[in-house]
Amino acid sequence: MNELRDTVRAVLRRHPGQAWEKLCAEVGVTGLAIPEEHGGAGAGLPEVHAVLEELGRDLTPHRLHGTTLASQALLQAGDTRWLKRIADGSVTAALALDGEPYTLDAPGADVVVASHNGRLYEATVTRSCTALDESRALGVVEPDLTRPIGSANAGRLREIACVLLSAEQVGAAARALEITVEYTKTRVQFGRPIGAFQALQHRMADLHVAVEAARAVSRAAVAGQAHPSVAKVVCSETLMRVAGEMIQLHGGIGITWEHSAHRYFKRAHGSWHLYGTPDAHVKRLAAARLD
């Protein structure tokens, strides 16, 4: 897994403007969770999770999230028509989850499917949306109830979505903290770097612990050792906290358009609302425990 992470990071570093195309062509990221008999690598969601954590670090635009969710839904429904082309990167896809007003990666997708009342349907994008996070493509999707595909476990698909999203959140939080720590080593106040002040050292140490805890929860969730809702709550709250501290510790430049801090803050807010807010997931976990 570490080798995969290193490979993805190297591609992102060498090809910042063409990262997604290179990852599809050279690493085959869209086929990681697709079985070999359907043209994929036959790996699994942990491998996709590792790639998404790296993509999240620099908020790299990509379509891995929507394409992976759609391929998992199609596998559930037993429809293999598009899987080979999804695996080789020639076709992009997106999945609209039942009850979600906006669908990630839907605008521009070649294949759009939607889960509705336990069934999977072909669907169309009726409207593209302007997202707070400009690195995200969001759209409104309408299922075509005259074109059913098969059965789909909407609950399981939502769990997969939350786990994959948590990987991006962890990557973004880790990188935001790294940028902030580096800044505190160079920003001089009262004759010394602000990172030398104990109060700031304590704040950054607390953030480091929070990021590592979120990483552990996210990786445990993709391994089936933690509930996906726990990962959604912890990783959403961690990214929001780190992004807020990033802006504050950068001072005035943290809110300028040219600095990356505002992008991490927007990603934190956008991710917070995807697939249910943390509050909604806490209520779901509490209800399940009571049952």
Protein backbone atom coordinates (compact mmCIF):
# COMPACT_ATOMS: atom_id res chain seq x y z
CA MET A 1 0.00 0.00 0.00
CA ASN A 2 2.85 2.39 0.78
CA GLU A 3 4.26 1.75 -2.69
CA LEU A 4 0.93 2.76 -4.22
CA ARG A 5 0.86 5.93 -2.13
CA ASP A 6 4.41 6.80 -3.20
CA THR A 7 3.57 6.18 -6.86
CA VAL A 8 0.50 8.40 -6.74
CA ARG A 9 2.36 11.16 -4.92
CA ALA A 10 5.15 11.03 -7.51
CA VAL A 11 2.65 11.35 -10.37
CA LEU A 12 0.95 14.29 -8.66
CA ARG A 13 4.29 15.99 -8.17
CA ARG A 14 5.50 15.46 -11.76
CA HIS A 15 2.22 16.20 -13.57
CA PRO A 16 0.23 18.76 -11.54
CA GLY A 17 -1.84 19.86 -14.53
CA GLN A 18 -2.48 16.38 -15.94
CA ALA A 19 -2.52 14.30 -12.79
CA TRP A 20 -5.91 12.66 -13.33
CA GLU A 21 -5.15 11.57 -16.89
CA LYS A 22 -1.76 10.19 -15.84
CA LEU A 23 -3.22 8.30 -12.89
CA CYS A 24 -5.77 6.63 -15.15
CA ALA A 25 -3.27 5.76 -17.88
CA GLU A 26 -0.22 4.84 -15.84
CA VAL A 27 -1.59 3.63 -12.49
CA GLY A 28 -5.05 2.43 -13.51
CA VAL A 29 -6.73 3.99 -10.49
CA THR A 30 -10.28 3.70 -11.89
CA GLY A 31 -9.95 -0.08 -12.11
CA LEU A 32 -8.55 -0.73 -8.64
CA ALA A 33 -11.85 -1.86 -7.12
CA ILE A 34 -13.15 -3.64 -10.24
CA PRO A 35 -12.61 -7.42 -10.52
CA GLU A 36 -10.11 -8.70 -13.06
CA GLU A 37 -12.80 -10.51 -15.05
CA HIS A 38 -14.32 -7.11 -15.81
CA GLY A 39 -11.03 -5.49 -16.82
CA GLY A 40 -10.03 -4.14 -13.43
CA ALA A 41 -7.05 -4.68 -11.17
CA GLY A 42 -8.97 -6.88 -8.74
CA ALA A 43 -7.69 -4.95 -5.73
CA GLY A 44 -10.29 -3.30 -3.53
CA LEU A 45 -11.56 -0.26 -1.68
CA PRO A 46 -8.46 0.02 0.58
CA GLU A 47 -6.37 0.72 -2.52
CA VAL A 48 -8.86 3.35 -3.73
CA HIS A 49 -8.81 4.81 -0.22
CA ALA A 50 -5.01 5.15 -0.38
CA VAL A 51 -5.18 6.99 -3.70
CA LEU A 52 -7.92 9.33 -2.48
CA GLU A 53 -5.91 10.23 0.61
CA GLU A 54 -3.11 11.41 -1.68
CA LEU A 55 -5.49 13.24 -4.00
CA GLY A 56 -6.99 15.00 -1.01
CA ARG A 57 -3.67 16.44 0.09
CA ASP A 58 -3.47 19.09 -2.62
CA LEU A 59 -7.20 19.07 -3.47
CA THR A 60 -6.36 17.62 -6.88
CA PRO A 61 -9.39 17.60 -9.24
CA HIS A 62 -10.34 14.03 -10.16
CA ARG A 63 -13.28 11.69 -10.83
CA LEU A 64 -12.19 8.71 -8.77
CA HIS A 65 -14.83 9.18 -6.12
CA GLY A 66 -17.86 9.16 -8.41
CA THR A 67 -16.43 6.53 -10.73
CA THR A 68 -15.67 4.13 -7.87
CA LEU A 69 -19.12 4.56 -6.32
CA ALA A 70 -20.82 3.98 -9.67
CA SER A 71 -18.76 0.86 -10.39
CA GLN A 72 -19.60 -0.56 -6.95
CA ALA A 73 -23.30 0.10 -7.56
CA LEU A 74 -23.14 -1.60 -10.97
CA LEU A 75 -21.38 -4.61 -9.45
CA GLN A 76 -24.16 -4.86 -6.86
CA ALA A 77 -26.79 -4.70 -9.59
CA GLY A 78 -24.99 -7.25 -11.76
CA ASP A 79 -24.66 -4.89 -14.73
CA THR A 80 -21.21 -5.20 -16.32
CA ARG A 81 -21.81 -3.18 -19.51
CA TRP A 82 -19.58 -0.26 -18.64
CA LEU A 83 -17.13 -1.80 -16.19
CA LYS A 84 -14.30 -2.56 -18.63
CA ARG A 85 -14.34 0.98 -19.99
CA ILE A 86 -14.59 2.45 -16.50
CA ALA A 87 -11.60 0.33 -15.48
CA ASP A 88 -9.41 1.53 -18.35
CA GLY A 89 -10.40 5.15 -17.79
CA SER A 90 -12.11 5.67 -21.13
CA VAL A 91 -15.49 6.17 -19.43
CA THR A 92 -16.23 8.26 -16.35
CA ALA A 93 -19.21 7.60 -14.13
CA ALA A 94 -21.16 8.97 -11.18
CA LEU A 95 -23.69 7.65 -8.67
CA ALA A 96 -26.60 9.61 -7.24
CA LEU A 97 -27.49 8.33 -3.80
CA ASP A 98 -31.12 8.22 -2.78
CA GLY A 99 -31.97 11.36 -0.80
CA GLU A 100 -28.90 13.38 -1.81
CA PRO A 101 -29.79 16.70 -3.53
CA TYR A 102 -26.42 16.99 -5.25
CA THR A 103 -24.25 14.33 -6.87
CA LEU A 104 -20.47 14.49 -6.86
CA ASP A 105 -18.72 14.12 -10.26
CA ALA A 106 -22.05 14.01 -12.14
CA PRO A 107 -21.51 16.93 -14.58
CA GLY A 108 -19.54 15.66 -17.54
CA ALA A 109 -19.77 11.99 -16.55
CA ASP A 110 -20.27 9.52 -19.39
CA VAL A 111 -22.39 7.17 -17.28
CA VAL A 112 -24.73 8.36 -14.53
CA VAL A 113 -26.74 5.95 -12.37
CA ALA A 114 -28.98 6.56 -9.38
CA SER A 115 -30.14 4.47 -6.46
CA HIS A 116 -33.83 4.84 -5.67
CA ASN A 117 -35.92 2.76 -3.25
CA GLY A 118 -33.53 -0.16 -3.30
CA ARG A 119 -33.10 -0.21 -7.06
CA LEU A 120 -30.50 1.15 -9.45
CA TYR A 121 -31.56 3.15 -12.52
CA GLU A 122 -29.89 4.89 -15.40
CA ALA A 123 -30.08 8.63 -14.84
CA THR A 124 -29.45 12.02 -16.38
CA VAL A 125 -27.90 15.22 -15.07
CA THR A 126 -30.56 17.91 -15.14
CA ARG A 127 -28.45 20.75 -13.79
CA SER A 128 -24.83 21.54 -13.00
CA CYS A 129 -24.26 23.44 -9.77
CA THR A 130 -21.78 26.07 -8.72
CA ALA A 131 -20.04 24.61 -5.70
CA LEU A 132 -18.39 26.52 -2.87
CA ASP A 133 -15.40 24.24 -3.44
CA GLU A 134 -14.43 25.00 -7.02
CA SER A 135 -12.42 21.78 -7.32
CA ARG A 136 -15.68 19.81 -7.02
CA ALA A 137 -18.17 19.09 -9.80
CA LEU A 138 -21.72 18.82 -8.45
CA GLY A 139 -24.94 18.21 -10.31
CA VAL A 140 -28.63 17.50 -9.84
CA VAL A 141 -29.51 14.02 -11.10
CA GLU A 142 -32.87 12.56 -12.10
CA PRO A 143 -33.29 8.76 -12.23
CA ASP A 144 -35.09 7.37 -15.27
CA LEU A 145 -37.55 4.93 -13.70
CA THR A 146 -38.24 3.40 -17.11
CA ARG A 147 -34.63 2.19 -17.34
CA PRO A 148 -33.98 -0.01 -14.30
CA ILE A 149 -30.62 -1.73 -13.89
CA GLY A 150 -31.03 -3.98 -10.85
CA SER A 151 -31.07 -4.12 -7.07
CA ALA A 152 -28.78 -1.85 -5.07
CA ASN A 153 -28.04 -1.66 -1.36
CA ALA A 154 -28.34 2.08 -0.83
CA GLY A 155 -27.17 1.84 2.77
CA ARG A 156 -23.98 0.05 1.81
CA LEU A 157 -23.31 2.48 -1.03
CA ARG A 158 -23.65 5.41 1.35
CA GLU A 159 -21.21 3.74 3.74
CA ILE A 160 -18.69 3.32 0.93
CA ALA A 161 -19.17 6.97 -0.03
CA CYS A 162 -18.52 8.13 3.54
CA VAL A 163 -15.37 6.02 3.86
CA LEU A 164 -13.95 7.24 0.54
CA LEU A 165 -14.76 10.83 1.43
CA SER A 166 -13.01 10.43 4.78
CA ALA A 167 -9.80 9.49 2.97
CA GLU A 168 -9.84 12.78 1.06
CA GLN A 169 -10.60 14.67 4.26
CA VAL A 170 -7.65 13.11 6.06
CA GLY A 171 -5.29 13.89 3.19
CA ALA A 172 -6.49 17.51 3.07
CA ALA A 173 -6.21 17.94 6.84
CA ALA A 174 -2.69 16.50 6.91
CA ARG A 175 -1.46 18.76 4.12
CA ALA A 176 -3.17 21.85 5.57
CA LEU A 177 -1.38 21.22 8.84
CA GLU A 178 1.97 20.71 7.09
CA ILE A 179 1.60 24.04 5.27
CA THR A 180 0.69 25.76 8.52
CA VAL A 181 3.61 24.32 10.46
CA GLU A 182 6.03 25.39 7.72
CA TYR A 183 4.60 28.92 7.81
CA THR A 184 5.05 29.22 11.58
CA LYS A 185 8.74 28.44 11.12
CA THR A 186 9.24 31.43 8.82
CA ARG A 187 6.76 34.03 10.12
CA VAL A 188 8.69 36.25 12.54
CA GLN A 189 6.98 38.18 15.33
CA PHE A 190 8.63 39.89 18.29
CA GLY A 191 12.02 38.93 16.90
CA ARG A 192 11.50 35.17 16.52
CA PRO A 193 9.44 32.67 14.49
CA ILE A 194 5.91 32.35 15.81
CA GLY A 195 6.36 28.59 15.86
CA ALA A 196 8.78 29.06 18.75
CA PHE A 197 5.98 30.28 21.01
CA GLN A 198 4.79 27.52 23.31
CA ALA A 199 1.11 28.38 22.96
CA LEU A 200 1.25 27.81 19.19
CA GLN A 201 3.33 24.67 19.61
CA HIS A 202 0.59 23.24 21.83
CA ARG A 203 -2.11 24.14 19.30
CA MET A 204 -0.23 22.48 16.45
CA ALA A 205 0.56 19.42 18.56
CA ASP A 206 -3.15 19.06 19.30
CA LEU A 207 -3.92 19.33 15.59
CA HIS A 208 -1.32 16.67 14.79
CA VAL A 209 -2.96 14.28 17.25
CA ALA A 210 -6.38 15.02 15.76
CA VAL A 211 -5.17 14.36 12.19
CA GLU A 212 -3.49 11.08 13.14
CA ALA A 213 -6.61 9.97 15.02
CA ALA A 214 -8.75 10.78 11.98
CA ARG A 215 -6.35 8.88 9.74
CA ALA A 216 -6.56 5.83 12.01
CA VAL A 217 -10.37 5.92 12.06
CA SER A 218 -10.62 6.35 8.29
CA ARG A 219 -8.26 3.46 7.58
CA ALA A 220 -10.03 1.31 10.15
CA ALA A 221 -13.35 2.05 8.45
CA VAL A 222 -12.15 0.95 5.00
CA ALA A 223 -10.79 -2.22 6.61
CA GLY A 224 -14.20 -2.91 8.18
CA GLN A 225 -12.93 -2.26 11.71
CA ALA A 226 -14.81 0.98 12.36
CA HIS A 227 -18.28 2.21 11.42
CA PRO A 228 -18.34 4.43 8.30
CA SER A 229 -20.45 7.00 10.14
CA VAL A 230 -17.74 7.31 12.79
CA ALA A 231 -15.21 8.02 10.03
CA LYS A 232 -17.53 10.63 8.50
CA VAL A 233 -17.98 12.42 11.83
CA VAL A 234 -14.35 12.35 12.97
CA CYS A 235 -12.81 13.25 9.61
CA SER A 236 -15.33 16.02 8.88
CA GLU A 237 -14.73 17.63 12.26
CA THR A 238 -10.96 17.27 11.97
CA LEU A 239 -10.71 18.88 8.55
CA MET A 240 -12.99 21.71 9.62
CA ARG A 241 -10.86 22.32 12.71
CA VAL A 242 -7.53 22.20 10.88
CA ALA A 243 -8.76 24.42 8.04
CA GLY A 244 -10.01 27.00 10.53
CA GLU A 245 -6.73 26.98 12.43
CA MET A 246 -4.84 27.23 9.14
CA ILE A 247 -6.56 30.51 8.31
CA GLN A 248 -6.11 31.90 11.82
CA LEU A 249 -2.44 30.98 12.15
CA HIS A 250 -1.65 32.43 8.72
CA GLY A 251 -3.14 35.75 9.79
CA GLY A 252 -4.16 38.17 7.04
CA ILE A 253 -2.79 36.14 4.13
CA GLY A 254 -4.96 33.18 5.12
CA ILE A 255 -8.06 34.87 3.72
CA THR A 256 -6.53 36.14 0.48
CA TRP A 257 -7.53 34.63 -2.85
CA GLU A 258 -3.90 33.85 -3.76
CA HIS A 259 -3.20 31.66 -0.73
CA SER A 260 -4.33 28.03 -0.55
CA ALA A 261 -5.89 28.35 2.92
CA HIS A 262 -9.29 29.40 1.57
CA ARG A 263 -9.37 26.30 -0.67
CA TYR A 264 -8.94 23.95 2.28
CA PHE A 265 -11.58 25.87 4.20
CA LYS A 266 -14.02 25.52 1.30
CA ARG A 267 -13.25 21.81 0.95
CA ALA A 268 -13.90 21.37 4.68
CA HIS A 269 -17.31 23.04 4.45
CA GLY A 270 -18.32 21.23 1.27
CA SER A 271 -17.26 17.82 2.57
CA TRP A 272 -19.07 18.48 5.84
CA HIS A 273 -22.42 18.37 4.02
CA LEU A 274 -21.77 15.50 1.59
CA TYR A 275 -23.56 12.24 2.46
CA GLY A 276 -25.06 13.69 5.63
CA THR A 277 -23.70 16.13 8.17
CA PRO A 278 -21.81 14.85 11.23
CA ASP A 279 -24.88 15.60 13.37
CA ALA A 280 -27.02 13.37 11.17
CA HIS A 281 -24.51 10.55 11.44
CA VAL A 282 -24.28 10.90 15.22
CA LYS A 283 -28.07 10.57 15.41
CA ARG A 284 -27.92 7.52 13.16
CA LEU A 285 -25.29 5.88 15.35
CA ALA A 286 -27.27 6.67 18.50
CA ALA A 287 -30.45 5.20 17.02
CA ALA A 288 -28.62 2.05 15.96
CA ARG A 289 -27.17 1.63 19.44
CA LEU A 290 -30.61 2.04 21.04
CA ASP A 291 -32.07 -0.58 18.67
